[in-house]
Amino acid sequence: MVGIKKRKKDNSKSEETQAPPSTIPPKLARRKANRKSTMKLGRTIRGERERLETASERIAVHKKNKRQKTLRIAATIVGLTIAIVVIVWFISLFMPKDTETDNSVTTITVSVPYTPTIEVVDEDASATGGNITSRMKEYIGQAEADLRELGYTPTKAVIPAGTIREVHFYLDGFTGYIKMNIDRGTGVSAEDTDRMIRYLKAAGTMDFTYIDVRIDGKAYWKPLPETEETPEE
């Protein structure tokens, strides 16, 4: 009886040790599964790391390009500013510098308008309504100033009827008047008047009806009615 029981026990051990060749122990299967999952996870982490590195590189390149663009713009602005300063400096070197005397002359001849201080009579006031044009007033003021500079004293200016460009000046100490035209410069008209008066003085007469200086390069005078002498220049 004992021997039979022992055999049965040995048979059970042999049955336990003999396992089907196709089955895998659970512990070994878990190890293989963990290894596969670890390899898959490693591949995923590496790919994610590469993706993040690529994105960071792109960001760095973008920042670098932006920084370079900003520097180029700043350099362009600085260059333009320097160029403008240099151009202005060169222009200032070649521009004539005004002195105090030049400024005073400019102020007198250009900036300050001449206003007549003598009596102005418009013989055609009924037709014009007594309104004298600003151009005529300025011309009378300029001619008055020019005659005063030559040593004469204007007393009155008359705008004859039927004319719009002619004006007659009366001078202190003279019987007649001076005919001028507003289309001709007051300076040359005053100089022609001075030359004509000196010519008459040298000829021994200072009485005249009028002196005409309305035409460039010519001056005429008309003697008083009681005299017959008619010198002409």
Foldseek 3Di string as FASTA:
>chain_A
DVVVVVVVVVVVVVVVVDDDPVDDDPVVVVVVVVVVVVVVVVVVVVVVVVVVVVVVVVVVVVVVVVVVVVVVVVVVVVVVVVVVVVVVVVVVVPDDDDDPVNVVVCCVPPVDQFADPAAEEEQQCVVVVVDQDPLVRSQNRVLQVLLVVVPWHWHYKYHDPPDNFWIWTDTPPADAIEIEGSVDHSNVSSVVVVVVQVVCVVVPDRYFHYWYPHDPPAIATHHDPVDDDGDGD
